[in-house]
Amino acid sequence: MINRNYHIKLLIITACILQIALASAPKVGTNGATELLIPMGAVNVALSGSNIANISGANAIYWNPAGLAIMNGGEATFSYLNYFAGMKVSYMAGGAKLGRLGVVGVSLQVLDIGEIPVTTIEAPEGTGEIIEPNYLTIGATYSRAFTDRINFGVNAKLISEKIGSMSASGIGFDLGLQYVSPWGIAFGVAMRNIGSKITFDGTGIEFDSVIPYSKQAATTRKTRLDMASSQLPTNLSLGLAYVLKLNDLLKLNLVGSYTNNSFTINQASAGVEATLMDMFILRGGYQMTLFPEDYPEAAKEDNQYGMSLGGGCHMKVGNNKLMVDYAYRPMKTLEPNQYFSIGIAF
């Protein structure tokens, strides 16, 4: 009776989410904290972000925190990304099971933009000053398996941005749900980046201004510009997955997802993950924008990715498992993204 009630409630929630997602039109515009949209982890990037339904372990914290519940002990992972224009992204995540209480996890994302020379109207060639923008996102996750078929997770994030003398901060949340049907088809829902608006503040918006109609020798007054607030880039992803066991050595994980974005064009993606002897893994995925003709100008900028590829090797080392993964994601107008991930399950 308990499992049946869970199934009924899940169907009702799913129907409501589908109605909201499919009925809402994409809103093309400007949002804050765009670093939250940089996908993390080589495992799901190689699948074009399509694994929402049965992604598990520490890799699930970014994509669907419900998947963190699928752990027997502890797990930690580190990812490094060669982004475009010389930018680099480091990501660390880990989790540990607390018995019947569930699973807790932490994560850290660091975006390194590099050194930027300061230029002004008076010194267009540079003032000699160098700034190094600092973007940090720190997360704390809780996930729990309510039954052998239903997982739920929530991820709270502290967002910090600093550029020179200006800084901004905000709080965001990710919510995730995973369900495995009696027929083996997994279903996942993840809503990411729900939270406060983000506004920059600091001495960089202060300047001395002369009081109108004052004498030439009169003192100036300190003036501050009003900075606009920006919303976080919220999105909702719906995913399906099915594991097809071809034989005792080879299995395929077939995954697909639909993502409704709050400030960019909606997307659909699909991928396949082939695992041989539970050790060697090959991955491939494809991402496409939906109805780009509705926003042709935005589609040129947002539709940068298509095919992605990757692979990995997961080896047992004593009672632990060592996981090494790689992902290659080409861009249409800039250099490709390359992800390197290493993790350990204990």
C-alpha atoms as a PDB file:
ATOM      1  CA  MET A   1       0.000   0.000   0.000  1.00  0.00           C
ATOM      2  CA  ILE A   2       2.869   2.368   0.805  1.00  0.00           C
ATOM      3  CA  ASN A   3       4.572   1.796  -2.534  1.00  0.00           C
ATOM      4  CA  ARG A   4       1.272   2.217  -4.344  1.00  0.00           C
ATOM      5  CA  ASN A   5       0.662   5.577  -2.650  1.00  0.00           C
ATOM      6  CA  TYR A   6       4.141   6.709  -3.639  1.00  0.00           C
ATOM      7  CA  HIS A   7       3.453   5.786  -7.258  1.00  0.00           C
ATOM      8  CA  ILE A   8       0.174   7.720  -7.293  1.00  0.00           C
ATOM      9  CA  LYS A   9       1.743  10.823  -5.770  1.00  0.00           C
ATOM     10  CA  LEU A  10       4.648  10.619  -8.198  1.00  0.00           C
ATOM     11  CA  LEU A  11       2.313  10.454 -11.189  1.00  0.00           C
ATOM     12  CA  ILE A  12       0.401  13.513  -9.963  1.00  0.00           C
ATOM     13  CA  ILE A  13       3.617  15.500  -9.424  1.00  0.00           C
ATOM     14  CA  THR A  14       4.957  14.436 -12.810  1.00  0.00           C
ATOM     15  CA  ALA A  15       1.762  15.475 -14.589  1.00  0.00           C
ATOM     16  CA  CYS A  16       1.890  18.917 -12.960  1.00  0.00           C
ATOM     17  CA  ILE A  17       5.562  19.430 -13.833  1.00  0.00           C
ATOM     18  CA  LEU A  18       5.014  18.341 -17.435  1.00  0.00           C
ATOM     19  CA  GLN A  19       2.115  20.742 -17.807  1.00  0.00           C
ATOM     20  CA  ILE A  20       4.197  23.643 -16.471  1.00  0.00           C
ATOM     21  CA  ALA A  21       7.253  22.788 -18.564  1.00  0.00           C
ATOM     22  CA  LEU A  22       5.497  22.238 -21.862  1.00  0.00           C
ATOM     23  CA  ALA A  23       3.111  25.162 -21.465  1.00  0.00           C
ATOM     24  CA  SER A  24       5.757  27.764 -20.645  1.00  0.00           C
ATOM     25  CA  ALA A  25       7.458  29.566 -23.508  1.00  0.00           C
ATOM     26  CA  PRO A  26      11.213  30.146 -23.447  1.00  0.00           C
ATOM     27  CA  LYS A  27      12.191  33.635 -22.346  1.00  0.00           C
ATOM     28  CA  VAL A  28      15.278  34.848 -24.166  1.00  0.00           C
ATOM     29  CA  GLY A  29      17.059  37.510 -22.134  1.00  0.00           C
ATOM     30  CA  THR A  30      19.854  38.293 -19.706  1.00  0.00           C
ATOM     31  CA  ASN A  31      20.433  36.491 -16.437  1.00  0.00           C
ATOM     32  CA  GLY A  32      23.048  36.593 -13.713  1.00  0.00           C
ATOM     33  CA  ALA A  33      25.528  33.967 -12.497  1.00  0.00           C
ATOM     34  CA  THR A  34      25.954  32.378 -15.909  1.00  0.00           C
ATOM     35  CA  GLU A  35      28.776  30.216 -14.515  1.00  0.00           C
ATOM     36  CA  LEU A  36      26.021  28.021 -13.065  1.00  0.00           C
ATOM     37  CA  LEU A  37      25.235  26.918 -16.620  1.00  0.00           C
ATOM     38  CA  ILE A  38      28.717  25.496 -17.235  1.00  0.00           C
ATOM     39  CA  PRO A  39      28.151  21.717 -17.112  1.00  0.00           C
ATOM     40  CA  MET A  40      30.309  19.824 -14.634  1.00  0.00           C
ATOM     41  CA  GLY A  41      31.788  16.328 -14.750  1.00  0.00           C
ATOM     42  CA  ALA A  42      33.099  14.403 -17.749  1.00  0.00           C
ATOM     43  CA  VAL A  43      30.594  11.567 -17.287  1.00  0.00           C
ATOM     44  CA  ASN A  44      27.397  13.387 -18.226  1.00  0.00           C
ATOM     45  CA  VAL A  45      29.031  16.018 -20.431  1.00  0.00           C
ATOM     46  CA  ALA A  46      30.027  13.181 -22.790  1.00  0.00           C
ATOM     47  CA  LEU A  47      26.311  12.301 -22.885  1.00  0.00           C
ATOM     48  CA  SER A  48      25.414  15.947 -23.712  1.00  0.00           C
ATOM     49  CA  GLY A  49      23.823  16.326 -20.286  1.00  0.00           C
ATOM     50  CA  SER A  50      21.093  13.836 -21.157  1.00  0.00           C
ATOM     51  CA  ASN A  51      21.426  11.590 -18.084  1.00  0.00           C
ATOM     52  CA  ILE A  52      18.984  13.050 -15.569  1.00  0.00           C
ATOM     53  CA  ALA A  53      17.085   9.845 -14.805  1.00  0.00           C
ATOM     54  CA  ASN A  54      19.711   7.401 -13.494  1.00  0.00           C
ATOM     55  CA  ILE A  55      22.904   9.393 -12.957  1.00  0.00           C
ATOM     56  CA  SER A  56      24.365   8.401  -9.585  1.00  0.00           C
ATOM     57  CA  GLY A  57      27.035   9.188  -7.036  1.00  0.00           C
ATOM     58  CA  ALA A  58      28.987  12.418  -6.664  1.00  0.00           C
ATOM     59  CA  ASN A  59      28.528  13.189 -10.373  1.00  0.00           C
ATOM     60  CA  ALA A  60      24.798  13.599  -9.735  1.00  0.00           C
ATOM     61  CA  ILE A  61      25.163  16.619  -7.437  1.00  0.00           C
ATOM     62  CA  TYR A  62      25.308  19.066 -10.355  1.00  0.00           C
ATOM     63  CA  TRP A  63      22.795  17.346 -12.664  1.00  0.00           C
ATOM     64  CA  ASN A  64      20.218  15.783 -10.338  1.00  0.00           C
ATOM     65  CA  PRO A  65      20.910  15.716  -6.576  1.00  0.00           C
ATOM     66  CA  ALA A  66      18.512  12.781  -6.180  1.00  0.00           C
ATOM     67  CA  GLY A  67      21.161  10.520  -7.728  1.00  0.00           C
ATOM     68  CA  LEU A  68      23.497  11.090  -4.778  1.00  0.00           C
ATOM     69  CA  ALA A  69      21.323   8.639  -2.828  1.00  0.00           C
ATOM     70  CA  ILE A  70      22.572   5.779  -5.025  1.00  0.00           C
ATOM     71  CA  MET A  71      25.711   5.167  -2.975  1.00  0.00           C
ATOM     72  CA  ASN A  72      26.671   2.401  -0.559  1.00  0.00           C
ATOM     73  CA  GLY A  73      29.536   4.227   1.128  1.00  0.00           C
ATOM     74  CA  GLY A  74      31.396   7.342   0.088  1.00  0.00           C
ATOM     75  CA  GLU A  75      32.526   8.894  -3.174  1.00  0.00           C
ATOM     76  CA  ALA A  76      34.596  11.873  -4.272  1.00  0.00           C
ATOM     77  CA  THR A  77      35.333  13.295  -7.713  1.00  0.00           C
ATOM     78  CA  PHE A  78      37.440  16.078  -9.199  1.00  0.00           C
ATOM     79  CA  SER A  79      36.929  17.563 -12.673  1.00  0.00           C
ATOM     80  CA  TYR A  80      39.004  19.990 -14.690  1.00  0.00           C
ATOM     81  CA  LEU A  81      37.752  21.805 -17.766  1.00  0.00           C
ATOM     82  CA  ASN A  82      39.659  23.629 -20.480  1.00  0.00           C
ATOM     83  CA  TYR A  83      36.975  26.172 -21.317  1.00  0.00           C
ATOM     84  CA  PHE A  84      37.130  28.599 -24.241  1.00  0.00           C
ATOM     85  CA  ALA A  85      39.144  31.875 -24.414  1.00  0.00           C
ATOM     86  CA  GLY A  86      41.718  30.555 -21.957  1.00  0.00           C
ATOM     87  CA  MET A  87      39.243  30.138 -19.102  1.00  0.00           C
ATOM     88  CA  LYS A  88      39.480  27.124 -16.817  1.00  0.00           C
ATOM     89  CA  VAL A  89      36.984  25.516 -14.454  1.00  0.00           C
ATOM     90  CA  SER A  90      37.726  23.246 -11.495  1.00  0.00           C
ATOM     91  CA  TYR A  91      35.015  21.244  -9.777  1.00  0.00           C
ATOM     92  CA  MET A  92      35.124  19.063  -6.688  1.00  0.00           C
ATOM     93  CA  ALA A  93      32.255  17.031  -5.250  1.00  0.00           C
ATOM     94  CA  GLY A  94      31.850  14.288  -2.713  1.00  0.00           C
ATOM     95  CA  GLY A  95      29.291  12.481  -0.624  1.00  0.00           C
ATOM     96  CA  ALA A  96      28.953  10.012   2.227  1.00  0.00           C
ATOM     97  CA  LYS A  97      26.103   7.784   3.346  1.00  0.00           C
ATOM     98  CA  LEU A  98      24.743   8.270   6.867  1.00  0.00           C
ATOM     99  CA  GLY A  99      22.823   5.039   7.188  1.00  0.00           C
ATOM    100  CA  ARG A 100      19.060   5.432   7.237  1.00  0.00           C
ATOM    101  CA  LEU A 101      19.361   9.215   7.494  1.00  0.00           C
ATOM    102  CA  GLY A 102      20.342   9.448   3.833  1.00  0.00           C
ATOM    103  CA  VAL A 103      23.375  10.812   2.004  1.00  0.00           C
ATOM    104  CA  VAL A 104      25.081  14.189   2.418  1.00  0.00           C
ATOM    105  CA  GLY A 105      27.422  15.828  -0.049  1.00  0.00           C
ATOM    106  CA  VAL A 106      29.446  18.961  -0.738  1.00  0.00           C
ATOM    107  CA  SER A 107      30.664  20.593  -3.943  1.00  0.00           C
ATOM    108  CA  LEU A 108      32.870  23.462  -5.063  1.00  0.00           C
ATOM    109  CA  GLN A 109      33.074  25.092  -8.491  1.00  0.00           C
ATOM    110  CA  VAL A 110      35.851  27.585  -9.304  1.00  0.00           C
ATOM    111  CA  LEU A 111      35.867  29.561 -12.560  1.00  0.00           C
ATOM    112  CA  ASP A 112      39.284  31.004 -13.424  1.00  0.00           C
ATOM    113  CA  ILE A 113      38.968  33.702 -16.076  1.00  0.00           C
ATOM    114  CA  GLY A 114      42.607  34.754 -15.818  1.00  0.00           C
ATOM    115  CA  GLU A 115      44.230  38.162 -15.722  1.00  0.00           C
ATOM    116  CA  ILE A 116      42.449  41.117 -17.347  1.00  0.00           C
ATOM    117  CA  PRO A 117      44.254  44.467 -17.916  1.00  0.00           C
ATOM    118  CA  VAL A 118      42.284  47.511 -16.747  1.00  0.00           C
ATOM    119  CA  THR A 119      41.508  50.124 -19.395  1.00  0.00           C
ATOM    120  CA  THR A 120      39.722  53.454 -19.052  1.00  0.00           C
ATOM    121  CA  ILE A 121      38.623  56.278 -21.337  1.00  0.00           C
ATOM    122  CA  GLU A 122      41.705  58.230 -20.315  1.00  0.00           C
ATOM    123  CA  ALA A 123      43.987  55.178 -20.682  1.00  0.00           C
ATOM    124  CA  PRO A 124      42.614  52.978 -23.485  1.00  0.00           C
ATOM    125  CA  GLU A 125      45.939  51.118 -23.729  1.00  0.00           C
ATOM    126  CA  GLY A 126      45.768  50.140 -20.072  1.00  0.00           C
ATOM    127  CA  THR A 127      46.399  51.675 -16.690  1.00  0.00           C
ATOM    128  CA  GLY A 128      48.929  49.054 -15.672  1.00  0.00           C
ATOM    129  CA  GLU A 129      46.469  47.541 -13.213  1.00  0.00           C
ATOM    130  CA  ILE A 130      45.482  43.886 -13.517  1.00  0.00           C
ATOM    131  CA  ILE A 131      42.296  42.337 -12.145  1.00  0.00           C
ATOM    132  CA  GLU A 132      41.565  38.639 -11.677  1.00  0.00           C
ATOM    133  CA  PRO A 133      37.818  37.912 -11.523  1.00  0.00           C
ATOM    134  CA  ASN A 134      36.892  35.342  -8.900  1.00  0.00           C
ATOM    135  CA  TYR A 135      33.788  33.131  -9.303  1.00  0.00           C
ATOM    136  CA  LEU A 136      32.990  30.543  -6.619  1.00  0.00           C
ATOM    137  CA  THR A 137      29.971  28.301  -6.069  1.00  0.00           C
ATOM    138  CA  ILE A 138      29.839  26.239  -2.871  1.00  0.00           C
ATOM    139  CA  GLY A 139      27.130  23.586  -2.454  1.00  0.00           C
ATOM    140  CA  ALA A 140      25.734  21.378   0.294  1.00  0.00           C
ATOM    141  CA  THR A 141      23.535  18.430  -0.725  1.00  0.00           C
ATOM    142  CA  TYR A 142      21.137  16.073   0.998  1.00  0.00           C
ATOM    143  CA  SER A 143      19.655  13.057  -0.753  1.00  0.00           C
ATOM    144  CA  ARG A 144      17.629  10.073   0.355  1.00  0.00           C
ATOM    145  CA  ALA A 145      16.130   6.921  -1.110  1.00  0.00           C
ATOM    146  CA  PHE A 146      12.529   6.766   0.128  1.00  0.00           C
ATOM    147  CA  THR A 147      11.954   3.350  -1.444  1.00  0.00           C
ATOM    148  CA  ASP A 148      13.933   1.055  -3.702  1.00  0.00           C
ATOM    149  CA  ARG A 149      12.416   2.972  -6.631  1.00  0.00           C
ATOM    150  CA  ILE A 150      12.239   6.630  -5.516  1.00  0.00           C
ATOM    151  CA  ASN A 151      15.110   9.010  -4.705  1.00  0.00           C
ATOM    152  CA  PHE A 152      14.879  12.666  -3.749  1.00  0.00           C
ATOM    153  CA  GLY A 153      17.614  15.275  -3.301  1.00  0.00           C
ATOM    154  CA  VAL A 154      18.152  18.973  -2.639  1.00  0.00           C
ATOM    155  CA  ASN A 155      21.293  21.031  -3.195  1.00  0.00           C
ATOM    156  CA  ALA A 156      21.816  24.465  -1.586  1.00  0.00           C
ATOM    157  CA  LYS A 157      24.400  26.744  -3.237  1.00  0.00           C
ATOM    158  CA  LEU A 158      26.206  29.885  -2.178  1.00  0.00           C
ATOM    159  CA  ILE A 159      27.226  31.923  -5.220  1.00  0.00           C
ATOM    160  CA  SER A 160      30.061  34.445  -4.971  1.00  0.00           C
ATOM    161  CA  GLU A 161      31.372  36.678  -7.756  1.00  0.00           C
ATOM    162  CA  LYS A 162      34.120  39.293  -7.540  1.00  0.00           C
ATOM    163  CA  ILE A 163      35.512  41.528 -10.289  1.00  0.00           C
ATOM    164  CA  GLY A 164      37.991  44.120  -9.103  1.00  0.00           C
ATOM    165  CA  SER A 165      36.337  46.235  -6.423  1.00  0.00           C
ATOM    166  CA  MET A 166      32.867  44.923  -7.302  1.00  0.00           C
ATOM    167  CA  SER A 167      31.264  41.817  -5.841  1.00  0.00           C
ATOM    168  CA  ALA A 168      27.951  40.000  -5.808  1.00  0.00           C
ATOM    169  CA  SER A 169      26.504  37.028  -3.976  1.00  0.00           C
ATOM    170  CA  GLY A 170      23.346  34.960  -3.994  1.00  0.00           C
ATOM    171  CA  ILE A 171      21.743  31.725  -2.836  1.00  0.00           C
ATOM    172  CA  GLY A 172      20.347  29.046  -5.120  1.00  0.00           C
ATOM    173  CA  PHE A 173      18.720  25.636  -4.767  1.00  0.00           C
ATOM    174  CA  ASP A 174      18.516  22.502  -6.901  1.00  0.00           C
ATOM    175  CA  LEU A 175      15.747  19.943  -6.462  1.00  0.00           C
ATOM    176  CA  GLY A 176      15.798  16.464  -7.935  1.00  0.00           C
ATOM    177  CA  LEU A 177      13.653  13.343  -8.154  1.00  0.00           C
ATOM    178  CA  GLN A 178      14.340   9.916  -9.654  1.00  0.00           C
ATOM    179  CA  TYR A 179      11.939   7.024 -10.115  1.00  0.00           C
ATOM    180  CA  VAL A 180      12.490   3.536 -11.514  1.00  0.00           C
ATOM    181  CA  SER A 181       9.341   1.948 -12.916  1.00  0.00           C
ATOM    182  CA  PRO A 182       8.545  -1.778 -12.613  1.00  0.00           C
ATOM    183  CA  TRP A 183       9.453  -2.104 -16.308  1.00  0.00           C
ATOM    184  CA  GLY A 184      13.028  -0.857 -15.728  1.00  0.00           C
ATOM    185  CA  ILE A 185      12.483   2.571 -17.303  1.00  0.00           C
ATOM    186  CA  ALA A 186      13.930   5.308 -15.069  1.00  0.00           C
ATOM    187  CA  PHE A 187      12.413   8.772 -14.905  1.00  0.00           C
ATOM    188  CA  GLY A 188      14.102  11.896 -13.542  1.00  0.00           C
ATOM    189  CA  VAL A 189      13.165  15.494 -12.807  1.00  0.00           C
ATOM    190  CA  ALA A 190      15.652  18.212 -11.849  1.00  0.00           C
ATOM    191  CA  MET A 191      14.933  21.895 -11.252  1.00  0.00           C
ATOM    192  CA  ARG A 192      18.149  23.885 -10.907  1.00  0.00           C
ATOM    193  CA  ASN A 193      19.147  27.380  -9.828  1.00  0.00           C
ATOM    194  CA  ILE A 194      16.020  28.436  -7.974  1.00  0.00           C
ATOM    195  CA  GLY A 195      16.901  31.335  -5.706  1.00  0.00           C
ATOM    196  CA  SER A 196      17.561  34.976  -5.002  1.00  0.00           C
ATOM    197  CA  LYS A 197      18.462  37.707  -7.438  1.00  0.00           C
ATOM    198  CA  ILE A 198      22.101  38.731  -7.689  1.00  0.00           C
ATOM    199  CA  THR A 199      23.334  42.350  -7.676  1.00  0.00           C
ATOM    200  CA  PHE A 200      26.848  43.745  -7.947  1.00  0.00           C
ATOM    201  CA  ASP A 201      27.978  46.344  -5.432  1.00  0.00           C
ATOM    202  CA  GLY A 202      31.240  48.044  -4.470  1.00  0.00           C
ATOM    203  CA  THR A 203      33.375  51.118  -4.893  1.00  0.00           C
ATOM    204  CA  GLY A 204      33.569  50.641  -8.643  1.00  0.00           C
ATOM    205  CA  ILE A 205      30.199  52.360  -9.085  1.00  0.00           C
ATOM    206  CA  GLU A 206      31.190  55.385  -7.014  1.00  0.00           C
ATOM    207  CA  PHE A 207      32.506  58.615  -8.532  1.00  0.00           C
ATOM    208  CA  ASP A 208      32.909  62.266  -7.619  1.00  0.00           C
ATOM    209  CA  SER A 209      30.409  64.625  -9.209  1.00  0.00           C
ATOM    210  CA  VAL A 210      30.086  68.385  -9.190  1.00  0.00           C
ATOM    211  CA  ILE A 211      26.954  69.887  -7.679  1.00  0.00           C
ATOM    212  CA  PRO A 212      25.005  71.727 -10.411  1.00  0.00           C
ATOM    213  CA  TYR A 213      25.353  75.544 -10.384  1.00  0.00           C
ATOM    214  CA  SER A 214      27.986  75.402  -7.636  1.00  0.00           C
ATOM    215  CA  LYS A 215      31.107  77.572  -7.575  1.00  0.00           C
ATOM    216  CA  GLN A 216      34.185  76.319  -9.329  1.00  0.00           C
ATOM    217  CA  ALA A 217      36.060  75.793  -6.067  1.00  0.00           C
ATOM    218  CA  ALA A 218      33.171  73.968  -4.399  1.00  0.00           C
ATOM    219  CA  THR A 219      33.724  70.471  -3.106  1.00  0.00           C
ATOM    220  CA  THR A 220      32.391  67.493  -5.034  1.00  0.00           C
ATOM    221  CA  ARG A 221      29.974  64.923  -3.732  1.00  0.00           C
ATOM    222  CA  LYS A 222      30.147  61.150  -3.830  1.00  0.00           C
ATOM    223  CA  THR A 223      27.680  59.608  -6.275  1.00  0.00           C
ATOM    224  CA  ARG A 224      26.732  55.947  -6.682  1.00  0.00           C
ATOM    225  CA  LEU A 225      25.181  54.304  -9.707  1.00  0.00           C
ATOM    226  CA  ASP A 226      22.125  52.095  -9.294  1.00  0.00           C
ATOM    227  CA  MET A 227      22.920  48.525 -10.336  1.00  0.00           C
ATOM    228  CA  ALA A 228      20.193  46.317 -11.782  1.00  0.00           C
ATOM    229  CA  SER A 229      19.471  42.946 -10.209  1.00  0.00           C
ATOM    230  CA  SER A 230      19.595  39.755 -12.274  1.00  0.00           C
ATOM    231  CA  GLN A 231      17.766  36.496 -11.754  1.00  0.00           C
ATOM    232  CA  LEU A 232      19.516  33.148 -11.616  1.00  0.00           C
ATOM    233  CA  PRO A 233      19.354  30.983 -14.778  1.00  0.00           C
ATOM    234  CA  THR A 234      16.636  28.599 -13.608  1.00  0.00           C
ATOM    235  CA  ASN A 235      15.911  25.512 -15.708  1.00  0.00           C
ATOM    236  CA  LEU A 236      13.805  22.373 -15.491  1.00  0.00           C
ATOM    237  CA  SER A 237      15.011  19.057 -16.925  1.00  0.00           C
ATOM    238  CA  LEU A 238      12.946  15.913 -17.539  1.00  0.00           C
ATOM    239  CA  GLY A 239      14.787  12.698 -18.322  1.00  0.00           C
ATOM    240  CA  LEU A 240      14.270   9.058 -19.250  1.00  0.00           C
ATOM    241  CA  ALA A 241      16.755   6.184 -19.084  1.00  0.00           C
ATOM    242  CA  TYR A 242      16.810   2.464 -19.765  1.00  0.00           C
ATOM    243  CA  VAL A 243      19.635  -0.012 -19.153  1.00  0.00           C
ATOM    244  CA  LEU A 244      19.806  -2.691 -21.839  1.00  0.00           C
ATOM    245  CA  LYS A 245      21.916  -5.720 -20.907  1.00  0.00           C
ATOM    246  CA  LEU A 246      23.138  -7.348 -24.101  1.00  0.00           C
ATOM    247  CA  ASN A 247      25.070 -10.097 -22.307  1.00  0.00           C
ATOM    248  CA  ASP A 248      27.072 -10.714 -19.158  1.00  0.00           C
ATOM    249  CA  LEU A 249      29.875  -8.453 -20.353  1.00  0.00           C
ATOM    250  CA  LEU A 250      28.199  -5.593 -22.226  1.00  0.00           C
ATOM    251  CA  LYS A 251      25.358  -3.264 -21.266  1.00  0.00           C
ATOM    252  CA  LEU A 252      23.987  -0.067 -22.761  1.00  0.00           C
ATOM    253  CA  ASN A 253      22.550   2.882 -20.856  1.00  0.00           C
ATOM    254  CA  LEU A 254      20.126   4.726 -23.157  1.00  0.00           C
ATOM    255  CA  VAL A 255      19.305   8.220 -21.886  1.00  0.00           C
ATOM    256  CA  GLY A 256      17.422  11.303 -23.055  1.00  0.00           C
ATOM    257  CA  SER A 257      16.243  14.599 -21.602  1.00  0.00           C
ATOM    258  CA  TYR A 258      14.277  17.769 -22.283  1.00  0.00           C
ATOM    259  CA  THR A 259      15.333  21.069 -20.646  1.00  0.00           C
ATOM    260  CA  ASN A 260      13.121  24.120 -20.283  1.00  0.00           C
ATOM    261  CA  ASN A 261      15.331  27.191 -19.779  1.00  0.00           C
ATOM    262  CA  SER A 262      14.213  30.446 -18.221  1.00  0.00           C
ATOM    263  CA  PHE A 263      16.465  32.742 -20.281  1.00  0.00           C
ATOM    264  CA  THR A 264      17.624  30.713 -23.273  1.00  0.00           C
ATOM    265  CA  ILE A 265      16.074  28.473 -25.900  1.00  0.00           C
ATOM    266  CA  ASN A 266      14.810  25.086 -24.724  1.00  0.00           C
ATOM    267  CA  GLN A 267      16.900  22.020 -25.511  1.00  0.00           C
ATOM    268  CA  ALA A 268      16.639  18.283 -26.029  1.00  0.00           C
ATOM    269  CA  SER A 269      19.483  15.791 -25.773  1.00  0.00           C
ATOM    270  CA  ALA A 270      20.103  12.074 -26.039  1.00  0.00           C
ATOM    271  CA  GLY A 271      23.022   9.786 -25.343  1.00  0.00           C
ATOM    272  CA  VAL A 272      24.243   6.233 -25.052  1.00  0.00           C
ATOM    273  CA  GLU A 273      26.757   4.770 -22.608  1.00  0.00           C
ATOM    274  CA  ALA A 274      28.338   1.391 -23.368  1.00  0.00           C
ATOM    275  CA  THR A 275      29.982  -0.443 -20.459  1.00  0.00           C
ATOM    276  CA  LEU A 276      32.200  -3.476 -21.027  1.00  0.00           C
ATOM    277  CA  MET A 277      32.994  -5.789 -18.089  1.00  0.00           C
ATOM    278  CA  ASP A 278      31.930  -3.012 -15.676  1.00  0.00           C
ATOM    279  CA  MET A 279      35.307  -1.446 -16.381  1.00  0.00           C
ATOM    280  CA  PHE A 280      35.666   0.156 -19.813  1.00  0.00           C
ATOM    281  CA  ILE A 281      33.113   2.792 -20.849  1.00  0.00           C
ATOM    282  CA  LEU A 282      32.386   4.640 -24.087  1.00  0.00           C
ATOM    283  CA  ARG A 283      29.915   7.534 -24.229  1.00  0.00           C
ATOM    284  CA  GLY A 284      28.328   9.684 -26.897  1.00  0.00           C
ATOM    285  CA  GLY A 285      25.556  12.253 -26.968  1.00  0.00           C
ATOM    286  CA  TYR A 286      23.873  14.918 -29.018  1.00  0.00           C
ATOM    287  CA  GLN A 287      22.211  18.180 -27.978  1.00  0.00           C
ATOM    288  CA  MET A 288      19.872  20.318 -30.058  1.00  0.00           C
ATOM    289  CA  THR A 289      17.870  23.490 -29.527  1.00  0.00           C
ATOM    290  CA  LEU A 290      14.117  23.322 -29.991  1.00  0.00           C
ATOM    291  CA  PHE A 291      12.325  25.646 -32.405  1.00  0.00           C
ATOM    292  CA  PRO A 292      15.333  27.938 -33.051  1.00  0.00           C
ATOM    293  CA  GLU A 293      13.346  29.714 -35.770  1.00  0.00           C
ATOM    294  CA  ASP A 294      11.321  31.429 -33.046  1.00  0.00           C
ATOM    295  CA  TYR A 295      14.463  33.217 -31.843  1.00  0.00           C
ATOM    296  CA  PRO A 296      16.894  33.249 -34.793  1.00  0.00           C
ATOM    297  CA  GLU A 297      19.372  35.737 -33.310  1.00  0.00           C
ATOM    298  CA  ALA A 298      19.515  34.010 -29.943  1.00  0.00           C
ATOM    299  CA  ALA A 299      19.836  30.612 -31.640  1.00  0.00           C
ATOM    300  CA  LYS A 300      23.111  31.689 -33.259  1.00  0.00           C
ATOM    301  CA  GLU A 301      24.638  32.282 -29.814  1.00  0.00           C
ATOM    302  CA  ASP A 302      22.939  29.530 -27.780  1.00  0.00           C
ATOM    303  CA  ASN A 303      23.208  26.685 -30.292  1.00  0.00           C
ATOM    304  CA  GLN A 304      26.965  26.211 -29.882  1.00  0.00           C
ATOM    305  CA  TYR A 305      27.027  22.511 -29.102  1.00  0.00           C
ATOM    306  CA  GLY A 306      25.969  19.364 -30.912  1.00  0.00           C
ATOM    307  CA  MET A 307      27.828  16.079 -30.682  1.00  0.00           C
ATOM    308  CA  SER A 308      29.880  15.156 -27.607  1.00  0.00           C
ATOM    309  CA  LEU A 309      32.072  12.125 -26.998  1.00  0.00           C
ATOM    310  CA  GLY A 310      33.982  10.552 -24.148  1.00  0.00           C
ATOM    311  CA  GLY A 311      35.001   7.493 -22.260  1.00  0.00           C
ATOM    312  CA  GLY A 312      36.398   6.192 -19.041  1.00  0.00           C
ATOM    313  CA  CYS A 313      37.956   3.376 -17.087  1.00  0.00           C
ATOM    314  CA  HIS A 314      36.630   2.306 -13.679  1.00  0.00           C
ATOM    315  CA  MET A 315      39.004  -0.027 -11.868  1.00  0.00           C
ATOM    316  CA  LYS A 316      38.823  -1.814  -8.528  1.00  0.00           C
ATOM    317  CA  VAL A 317      41.727  -1.006  -6.239  1.00  0.00           C
ATOM    318  CA  GLY A 318      41.383  -3.183  -3.171  1.00  0.00           C
ATOM    319  CA  ASN A 319      37.976  -2.458  -1.676  1.00  0.00           C
ATOM    320  CA  ASN A 320      37.777   0.874  -3.510  1.00  0.00           C
ATOM    321  CA  LYS A 321      37.004   1.882  -7.075  1.00  0.00           C
ATOM    322  CA  LEU A 322      39.118   4.333  -9.070  1.00  0.00           C
ATOM    323  CA  MET A 323      37.257   6.192 -11.840  1.00  0.00           C
ATOM    324  CA  VAL A 324      38.960   8.102 -14.660  1.00  0.00           C
ATOM    325  CA  ASP A 325      36.771   9.809 -17.296  1.00  0.00           C
ATOM    326  CA  TYR A 326      37.208  12.146 -20.263  1.00  0.00           C
ATOM    327  CA  ALA A 327      34.776  14.185 -22.377  1.00  0.00           C
ATOM    328  CA  TYR A 328      35.227  16.122 -25.619  1.00  0.00           C
ATOM    329  CA  ARG A 329      32.599  18.730 -26.540  1.00  0.00           C
ATOM    330  CA  PRO A 330      33.200  20.748 -29.741  1.00  0.00           C
ATOM    331  CA  MET A 331      31.902  24.308 -30.153  1.00  0.00           C
ATOM    332  CA  LYS A 332      30.798  25.803 -33.454  1.00  0.00           C
ATOM    333  CA  THR A 333      32.646  29.123 -33.158  1.00  0.00           C
ATOM    334  CA  LEU A 334      35.321  28.571 -30.471  1.00  0.00           C
ATOM    335  CA  GLU A 335      37.785  25.904 -29.418  1.00  0.00           C
ATOM    336  CA  PRO A 336      36.348  22.638 -28.064  1.00  0.00           C
ATOM    337  CA  ASN A 337      35.781  21.953 -24.379  1.00  0.00           C
ATOM    338  CA  GLN A 338      37.820  19.132 -22.850  1.00  0.00           C
ATOM    339  CA  TYR A 339      36.925  17.611 -19.488  1.00  0.00           C
ATOM    340  CA  PHE A 340      39.132  15.449 -17.290  1.00  0.00           C
ATOM    341  CA  SER A 341      37.643  13.749 -14.219  1.00  0.00           C
ATOM    342  CA  ILE A 342      39.045  11.455 -11.586  1.00  0.00           C
ATOM    343  CA  GLY A 343      37.095   9.942  -8.729  1.00  0.00           C
ATOM    344  CA  ILE A 344      37.163   7.316  -6.031  1.00  0.00           C
ATOM    345  CA  ALA A 345      34.379   5.288  -4.441  1.00  0.00           C
ATOM    346  CA  PHE A 346      35.066   3.788  -1.029  1.00  0.00           C
END
